[in-house]
Amino acid sequence: MPDQAVDIVTIFPEYLAPLRESLLGRAIARGQLRVDVHDLRSWTDDAHRTVDDTPYGGGPGMVMLAEPWARALDDLAPPESSAQPRLIVPTPTGRRFTQEIAAELAQQKWLLFACGRYEGIDARLTDYAGQRMVVDEISLGDYVLCGGEVAVLVIMEAVARLMPGVLGNAASAAEDSFTDTVDGLLEAPVYTKPATWRGLNVPEVLLSGHHGNIADWRRQQSVELTRRRRPDLLEG
């Protein structure tokens, strides 16, 4: 059995093909992760496979119908089942996605993503789902995307790399930007061979072999980089 199961419902299944690539693809191939992508239109029953309608109260755009989504949830996670997923709905009105949330989701056994489009999904859908499962509405940041698919790709990249065994070296995740290891700061700059490249040199301290000095340098660089680019992370 895989360590974690992921179901994704969307009207554009092909959009999620990159999930089969790179680290995620290898985790799936090793059986650590199960990922199934489902077409929402499979749960429609009209000739046009309709998934949206005009909004009550007027306004531009279309709203996704609650019924196809409810049918999808009921098929994938039957209401009578004691095992229920954590439903993730990417939306600009959700809580902002962070490394901390990624670590939280990496501990979940079953995630179900609902990829909204247009003006979003009828709000009653999350009310309905919340009667039996944890619902988490998540935003990538203060901007609006065309749909939830790209957000799912981002979230799954961040979550899967925190699963045990997915990264070749677990220390890679432990020393990432925003982690407790670096006190939530941005990670220091990194370098590799050659020591001199097109007239630019690697900082001497990294060539010294003095681990204490290297650790101090990296800490100083993290603080300075964070101060310049993300001063909000230094508050408090």
Protein backbone atom coordinates (compact mmCIF):
# COMPACT_ATOMS: atom_id res chain seq x y z
CA MET A 1 0.00 0.00 0.00
CA PRO A 2 1.27 3.55 -0.77
CA ASP A 3 2.23 5.83 2.10
CA GLN A 4 -0.14 8.49 0.79
CA ALA A 5 -3.06 8.58 -1.64
CA VAL A 6 -4.03 11.60 -3.72
CA ASP A 7 -7.17 12.07 -5.82
CA ILE A 8 -7.56 15.13 -8.03
CA VAL A 9 -10.83 16.17 -9.68
CA THR A 10 -10.63 18.59 -12.60
CA ILE A 11 -12.17 19.38 -15.96
CA PHE A 12 -8.67 19.37 -17.50
CA PRO A 13 -7.07 16.02 -16.56
CA GLU A 14 -4.20 16.49 -19.03
CA TYR A 15 -3.06 19.55 -17.08
CA LEU A 16 -1.90 17.28 -14.26
CA ALA A 17 0.43 15.14 -16.43
CA PRO A 18 3.59 16.71 -14.87
CA LEU A 19 2.75 14.92 -11.62
CA ARG A 20 4.25 11.84 -13.26
CA GLU A 21 7.62 13.50 -13.76
CA SER A 22 10.75 13.99 -11.63
CA LEU A 23 10.65 13.23 -7.88
CA LEU A 24 6.88 12.83 -7.82
CA GLY A 25 6.97 10.37 -10.69
CA ARG A 26 9.65 8.30 -9.00
CA ALA A 27 7.69 8.26 -5.73
CA ILE A 28 4.67 6.99 -7.66
CA ALA A 29 6.77 4.35 -9.45
CA ARG A 30 8.17 3.13 -6.12
CA GLY A 31 4.69 2.78 -4.70
CA GLN A 32 5.17 5.49 -2.04
CA LEU A 33 2.46 7.66 -3.52
CA ARG A 34 -0.76 6.91 -5.39
CA VAL A 35 -2.06 9.72 -7.61
CA ASP A 36 -5.33 9.41 -9.55
CA VAL A 37 -6.72 12.22 -11.69
CA HIS A 38 -10.48 12.27 -12.40
CA ASP A 39 -12.53 14.19 -14.96
CA LEU A 40 -15.36 16.07 -13.23
CA ARG A 41 -17.48 15.76 -16.35
CA SER A 42 -17.73 12.01 -15.66
CA TRP A 43 -20.22 12.95 -12.94
CA THR A 44 -22.55 14.96 -15.22
CA ASP A 45 -25.68 13.46 -16.79
CA ASP A 46 -26.65 15.82 -19.62
CA ALA A 47 -25.61 15.72 -23.26
CA HIS A 48 -23.42 18.80 -22.90
CA ARG A 49 -21.70 17.51 -19.73
CA THR A 50 -22.47 20.82 -18.05
CA VAL A 51 -20.41 21.79 -14.99
CA ASP A 52 -21.30 25.49 -14.59
CA ASP A 53 -24.12 28.03 -14.62
CA THR A 54 -24.73 31.76 -14.12
CA PRO A 55 -24.30 33.16 -10.59
CA TYR A 56 -27.25 34.04 -8.36
CA GLY A 57 -27.30 37.76 -7.66
CA GLY A 58 -25.83 38.57 -11.04
CA GLY A 59 -22.28 39.42 -11.95
CA PRO A 60 -19.74 38.34 -14.57
CA GLY A 61 -18.48 34.83 -15.17
CA MET A 62 -19.87 31.41 -14.39
CA VAL A 63 -20.01 29.34 -11.21
CA MET A 64 -19.31 25.61 -11.04
CA LEU A 65 -22.35 23.53 -10.11
CA ALA A 66 -22.29 21.81 -6.72
CA GLU A 67 -24.02 18.60 -7.89
CA PRO A 68 -21.27 17.14 -10.13
CA TRP A 69 -18.75 17.88 -7.40
CA ALA A 70 -20.91 16.22 -4.74
CA ARG A 71 -21.31 13.14 -6.92
CA ALA A 72 -17.54 12.98 -7.38
CA LEU A 73 -16.94 13.24 -3.63
CA ASP A 74 -19.60 10.62 -2.88
CA ASP A 75 -18.07 8.17 -5.38
CA LEU A 76 -14.46 8.70 -4.34
CA ALA A 77 -15.19 8.92 -0.60
CA PRO A 78 -18.59 7.35 0.14
CA PRO A 79 -20.42 9.11 3.01
CA GLU A 80 -20.87 5.80 4.85
CA SER A 81 -17.13 5.11 4.86
CA SER A 82 -15.17 5.81 8.03
CA ALA A 83 -12.08 6.62 5.93
CA GLN A 84 -12.36 10.14 4.59
CA PRO A 85 -9.80 12.31 2.76
CA ARG A 86 -8.75 15.83 3.55
CA LEU A 87 -10.37 17.97 0.87
CA ILE A 88 -8.11 20.69 -0.53
CA VAL A 89 -9.78 23.46 -2.55
CA PRO A 90 -7.32 25.91 -4.14
CA THR A 91 -8.91 29.38 -4.12
CA PRO A 92 -7.74 33.00 -3.84
CA THR A 93 -9.96 33.31 -0.73
CA GLY A 94 -8.20 30.50 1.15
CA ARG A 95 -5.43 30.66 3.75
CA ARG A 96 -2.02 31.31 2.25
CA PHE A 97 0.05 28.21 1.49
CA THR A 98 3.28 27.93 3.49
CA GLN A 99 6.05 25.42 4.16
CA GLU A 100 4.35 24.71 7.48
CA ILE A 101 1.11 23.75 5.73
CA ALA A 102 3.08 21.61 3.27
CA ALA A 103 4.60 19.70 6.20
CA GLU A 104 1.13 19.31 7.72
CA LEU A 105 -0.32 17.89 4.49
CA ALA A 106 2.67 15.57 4.07
CA GLN A 107 1.46 13.75 7.19
CA GLN A 108 -2.02 13.11 5.76
CA LYS A 109 -2.78 9.65 4.41
CA TRP A 110 -5.33 10.79 1.84
CA LEU A 111 -5.70 14.12 0.04
CA LEU A 112 -8.49 14.98 -2.38
CA PHE A 113 -8.08 18.11 -4.51
CA ALA A 114 -10.99 19.96 -6.11
CA CYS A 115 -9.76 22.12 -9.00
CA GLY A 116 -12.23 24.94 -9.44
CA ARG A 117 -12.53 27.09 -12.54
CA TYR A 118 -14.36 30.23 -13.67
CA GLU A 119 -15.63 32.19 -10.61
CA GLY A 120 -15.21 29.15 -8.37
CA ILE A 121 -17.39 26.34 -7.03
CA ASP A 122 -20.84 26.85 -5.52
CA ALA A 123 -20.06 27.58 -1.84
CA ARG A 124 -22.52 24.92 -0.68
CA LEU A 125 -20.12 22.23 -1.88
CA THR A 126 -17.62 22.89 0.91
CA ASP A 127 -20.49 23.05 3.42
CA TYR A 128 -21.66 19.64 2.21
CA ALA A 129 -18.17 18.11 2.26
CA GLY A 130 -17.43 19.60 5.67
CA GLN A 131 -20.14 17.44 7.21
CA ARG A 132 -17.86 14.43 7.02
CA MET A 133 -14.32 15.47 6.05
CA VAL A 134 -11.80 18.20 6.83
CA VAL A 135 -12.00 20.92 4.19
CA ASP A 136 -9.01 23.19 3.62
CA GLU A 137 -9.29 26.15 1.24
CA ILE A 138 -5.77 27.22 0.24
CA SER A 139 -4.36 30.17 -1.70
CA LEU A 140 -0.92 30.28 -3.29
CA GLY A 141 -0.71 34.04 -2.82
CA ASP A 142 -2.32 37.38 -3.48
CA TYR A 143 -3.13 36.86 -7.13
CA VAL A 144 -5.76 35.05 -9.19
CA LEU A 145 -5.16 32.07 -11.49
CA CYS A 146 -7.40 30.67 -14.22
CA GLY A 147 -8.00 27.49 -12.24
CA GLY A 148 -6.89 25.22 -9.44
CA GLU A 149 -4.74 22.86 -11.49
CA VAL A 150 -1.50 24.83 -11.36
CA ALA A 151 -2.01 25.31 -7.62
CA VAL A 152 -2.30 21.54 -7.20
CA LEU A 153 0.98 21.05 -9.04
CA VAL A 154 2.68 23.53 -6.71
CA ILE A 155 1.15 22.09 -3.55
CA MET A 156 1.97 18.51 -4.49
CA GLU A 157 5.59 19.41 -5.31
CA ALA A 158 5.96 21.00 -1.88
CA VAL A 159 4.15 18.19 -0.05
CA ALA A 160 5.66 15.14 -1.75
CA ARG A 161 9.27 16.21 -1.19
CA LEU A 162 8.57 16.22 2.56
CA MET A 163 7.38 12.62 2.54
CA PRO A 164 9.95 10.19 4.02
CA GLY A 165 12.19 8.68 1.35
CA VAL A 166 11.11 10.89 -1.55
CA LEU A 167 14.26 13.04 -1.48
CA GLY A 168 17.56 11.22 -1.83
CA ASN A 169 18.97 13.17 1.12
CA ALA A 170 16.51 14.04 3.90
CA ALA A 171 18.78 16.91 5.00
CA SER A 172 17.91 18.71 1.76
CA ALA A 173 14.37 19.33 3.01
CA ALA A 174 15.51 20.07 6.56
CA GLU A 175 17.67 22.97 5.36
CA ASP A 176 15.17 24.50 2.94
CA SER A 177 14.08 28.11 3.12
CA PHE A 178 11.25 28.75 5.61
CA THR A 179 12.09 25.68 7.74
CA ASP A 180 12.77 25.61 11.48
CA THR A 181 16.38 24.59 10.76
CA VAL A 182 17.03 28.06 9.33
CA ASP A 183 14.60 29.77 11.74
CA GLY A 184 12.14 30.42 8.95
CA LEU A 185 14.65 32.50 6.98
CA LEU A 186 15.58 32.26 3.32
CA GLU A 187 18.30 29.76 2.51
CA ALA A 188 21.83 31.07 1.93
CA PRO A 189 23.27 31.14 -1.64
CA VAL A 190 24.78 27.88 -2.88
CA TYR A 191 27.76 27.20 -5.16
CA THR A 192 29.43 24.25 -6.88
CA LYS A 193 32.53 23.56 -9.02
CA PRO A 194 34.55 25.19 -10.48
CA ALA A 195 35.75 27.59 -7.78
CA THR A 196 36.27 30.29 -10.42
CA TRP A 197 33.73 30.63 -13.22
CA ARG A 198 33.82 33.39 -15.86
CA GLY A 199 35.73 35.63 -13.52
CA LEU A 200 33.40 35.06 -10.58
CA ASN A 201 34.70 33.30 -7.46
CA VAL A 202 33.10 31.13 -4.83
CA PRO A 203 33.33 32.84 -1.39
CA GLU A 204 36.63 31.85 0.23
CA VAL A 205 34.99 30.68 3.44
CA LEU A 206 33.25 27.84 1.58
CA LEU A 207 36.62 26.56 0.41
CA SER A 208 38.20 26.75 3.87
CA GLY A 209 36.92 23.48 5.27
CA HIS A 210 36.20 25.24 8.58
CA HIS A 211 32.67 24.05 9.38
CA GLY A 212 32.06 26.60 12.14
CA ASN A 213 33.01 29.53 9.93
CA ILE A 214 30.93 28.11 7.08
CA ALA A 215 27.89 27.76 9.36
CA ASP A 216 28.33 31.35 10.56
CA TRP A 217 28.67 32.63 7.00
CA ARG A 218 25.53 30.81 5.88
CA ARG A 219 23.61 32.18 8.84
CA GLN A 220 24.74 35.72 8.07
CA GLN A 221 23.84 35.30 4.43
CA SER A 222 20.38 33.96 5.33
CA VAL A 223 19.67 36.94 7.57
CA GLU A 224 20.91 39.47 5.00
CA LEU A 225 19.05 37.85 2.09
CA THR A 226 15.85 37.72 4.14
CA ARG A 227 16.28 41.35 5.21
CA ARG A 228 16.58 42.47 1.58
CA ARG A 229 13.96 40.27 -0.04
CA ARG A 230 11.48 39.22 2.67
CA PRO A 231 11.76 41.60 5.64
CA ASP A 232 8.34 40.40 6.80
CA LEU A 233 9.97 37.09 7.82
CA LEU A 234 12.23 38.93 10.28
CA GLU A 235 9.36 40.49 12.23
CA GLY A 236 9.45 39.30 15.83
